[in-house]
Amino acid sequence: MRLALAMRVRVDSCLRLIADIDVEIDTFGQLAGNRLRHDSGYAAVQTIPGMGPTLGAVFVAEIGDVRRFRGPTQLTSWAGLTPRHRESATAVHGGRITKPGSRRCTASIAADPGAGAAAGAGRRTPRPQRPVLD
């Protein structure tokens, strides 16, 4: 895609801002990872596809002592990550996650474009191609 010079300058400015924010996110991720590296809960959430160090730290901080939950079902329900399930006499309907749990957990997932199983193992979505300057 070709852009006029003014738009190219604006796009380049936005890309520099994104790069600066990426540095801050990566720095926090490293600090959180170093601080939580021996935490078994942090290691466990890192096995979830799309769970990066920052999102993992948010989950560990929000969950606290995981032993307060009887099992994975209670934990996912508390975090608001259970799929909606409705049944009638003739049909079963599944849907999006219910979201009634921890606001920080669900907001963190919504804010991280690389989070969730649909994103695979990557932490972030790939960068778009830079448009060609006219």
Protein backbone atom coordinates (compact mmCIF):
# COMPACT_ATOMS: atom_id res chain seq x y z
CA MET A 1 0.00 0.00 0.00
CA ARG A 2 1.30 3.44 -0.90
CA LEU A 3 0.82 6.41 1.43
CA ALA A 4 1.21 10.13 0.99
CA LEU A 5 4.20 11.63 2.78
CA ALA A 6 2.14 13.16 5.62
CA MET A 7 0.44 9.84 6.33
CA ARG A 8 3.76 7.95 6.11
CA VAL A 9 5.24 10.31 8.74
CA ARG A 10 2.23 9.74 10.99
CA VAL A 11 2.39 5.95 10.57
CA ASP A 12 6.12 5.96 11.31
CA SER A 13 5.49 8.03 14.45
CA CYS A 14 2.89 5.52 15.66
CA LEU A 15 5.22 2.61 14.93
CA ARG A 16 7.96 4.27 17.03
CA LEU A 17 5.48 4.71 19.91
CA ILE A 18 4.47 1.05 19.66
CA ALA A 19 8.14 0.04 19.72
CA ASP A 20 8.70 2.16 22.86
CA ILE A 21 5.71 0.58 24.59
CA ASP A 22 6.95 -2.88 23.55
CA VAL A 23 10.22 -2.13 25.38
CA GLU A 24 8.29 -1.30 28.56
CA ILE A 25 6.14 -4.44 28.26
CA ASP A 26 9.21 -6.62 27.69
CA THR A 27 11.03 -5.01 30.63
CA PHE A 28 8.09 -5.66 32.97
CA GLY A 29 7.80 -9.19 31.63
CA GLN A 30 11.46 -9.86 32.43
CA LEU A 31 11.17 -8.36 35.92
CA ALA A 32 8.01 -10.35 36.66
CA GLY A 33 9.53 -13.51 35.22
CA ASN A 34 12.66 -13.13 37.36
CA ARG A 35 10.64 -12.46 40.49
CA LEU A 36 8.21 -15.33 39.88
CA ARG A 37 10.57 -17.85 38.29
CA HIS A 38 10.34 -20.23 41.29
CA ASP A 39 6.57 -19.84 41.71
CA SER A 40 4.82 -23.07 40.71
CA GLY A 41 1.62 -21.19 39.83
CA TYR A 42 3.52 -18.93 37.47
CA ALA A 43 5.09 -21.94 35.80
CA ALA A 44 1.65 -23.54 35.46
CA VAL A 45 0.00 -20.54 33.79
CA GLN A 46 2.92 -20.25 31.37
CA THR A 47 1.79 -23.57 29.84
CA ILE A 48 -1.46 -21.94 28.62
CA PRO A 49 -1.15 -21.12 24.90
CA GLY A 50 -0.80 -17.38 24.39
CA MET A 51 0.08 -16.68 28.04
CA GLY A 52 3.09 -14.37 28.15
CA PRO A 53 5.07 -13.31 31.21
CA THR A 54 3.06 -10.14 31.85
CA LEU A 55 -0.34 -11.79 31.59
CA GLY A 56 0.98 -14.71 33.64
CA ALA A 57 2.08 -12.32 36.40
CA VAL A 58 -1.39 -10.71 36.43
CA PHE A 59 -3.00 -14.13 36.82
CA VAL A 60 -0.65 -15.19 39.62
CA ALA A 61 -1.22 -11.92 41.47
CA GLU A 62 -5.00 -12.20 41.08
CA ILE A 63 -5.26 -15.90 41.95
CA GLY A 64 -3.08 -15.71 45.04
CA ASP A 65 -3.11 -19.07 46.84
CA VAL A 66 -4.44 -21.55 44.28
CA ARG A 67 -5.22 -24.04 47.06
CA ARG A 68 -8.33 -22.04 47.92
CA PHE A 69 -9.97 -23.59 44.85
CA ARG A 70 -11.15 -27.20 44.88
CA GLY A 71 -10.04 -27.75 41.31
CA PRO A 72 -9.62 -26.31 37.80
CA THR A 73 -13.37 -25.88 37.30
CA GLN A 74 -13.67 -23.57 40.30
CA LEU A 75 -10.56 -21.63 39.28
CA THR A 76 -11.73 -21.05 35.69
CA SER A 77 -15.17 -20.07 36.94
CA TRP A 78 -13.66 -17.58 39.41
CA ALA A 79 -11.48 -16.14 36.62
CA GLY A 80 -14.51 -15.75 34.34
CA LEU A 81 -13.14 -18.14 31.75
CA THR A 82 -15.90 -20.73 31.61
CA PRO A 83 -17.82 -21.10 28.35
CA ARG A 84 -21.49 -20.17 28.37
CA HIS A 85 -23.69 -23.27 28.28
CA ARG A 86 -27.44 -23.29 27.69
CA GLU A 87 -29.68 -26.28 27.23
CA SER A 88 -33.27 -26.81 26.29
CA ALA A 89 -35.16 -30.06 25.79
CA THR A 90 -33.95 -30.37 22.20
CA ALA A 91 -30.75 -28.34 21.86
CA VAL A 92 -27.48 -27.51 23.58
CA HIS A 93 -25.89 -24.14 22.93
CA GLY A 94 -22.32 -23.21 23.81
CA GLY A 95 -20.95 -19.74 23.52
CA ARG A 96 -18.41 -17.17 24.58
CA ILE A 97 -16.88 -17.07 28.02
CA THR A 98 -19.19 -15.95 30.80
CA LYS A 99 -16.85 -13.25 32.22
CA PRO A 100 -18.41 -12.96 35.69
CA GLY A 101 -15.17 -13.64 37.57
CA SER A 102 -12.06 -11.60 38.23
CA ARG A 103 -12.30 -8.33 36.33
CA ARG A 104 -8.52 -7.97 36.17
CA CYS A 105 -8.05 -11.43 34.65
CA THR A 106 -10.70 -10.99 31.98
CA ALA A 107 -9.65 -7.38 31.25
CA SER A 108 -6.02 -8.47 30.91
CA ILE A 109 -6.99 -11.16 28.44
CA ALA A 110 -9.09 -8.71 26.45
CA ALA A 111 -6.26 -6.15 26.40
CA ASP A 112 -3.58 -8.63 25.23
CA PRO A 113 -4.00 -9.38 21.52
CA GLY A 114 -1.77 -12.44 21.84
CA ALA A 115 -3.66 -14.03 24.71
CA GLY A 116 -5.84 -17.09 24.45
CA ALA A 117 -5.71 -20.40 22.70
CA ALA A 118 -6.69 -18.89 19.36
CA ALA A 119 -3.40 -16.99 19.29
CA GLY A 120 -1.32 -20.15 19.57
CA ALA A 121 1.91 -20.04 21.50
CA GLY A 122 2.83 -16.47 20.46
CA ARG A 123 2.66 -13.60 22.90
CA ARG A 124 1.70 -10.94 20.40
CA THR A 125 0.12 -10.68 17.01
CA PRO A 126 2.61 -10.19 14.15
CA ARG A 127 3.44 -6.66 13.07
CA PRO A 128 1.66 -5.43 9.93
CA GLN A 129 3.67 -4.81 6.79
CA ARG A 130 4.93 -1.24 6.48
CA PRO A 131 3.27 0.64 3.61
CA VAL A 132 5.54 1.87 0.84
CA LEU A 133 6.28 5.62 0.79
CA ASP A 134 5.08 7.45 -2.31
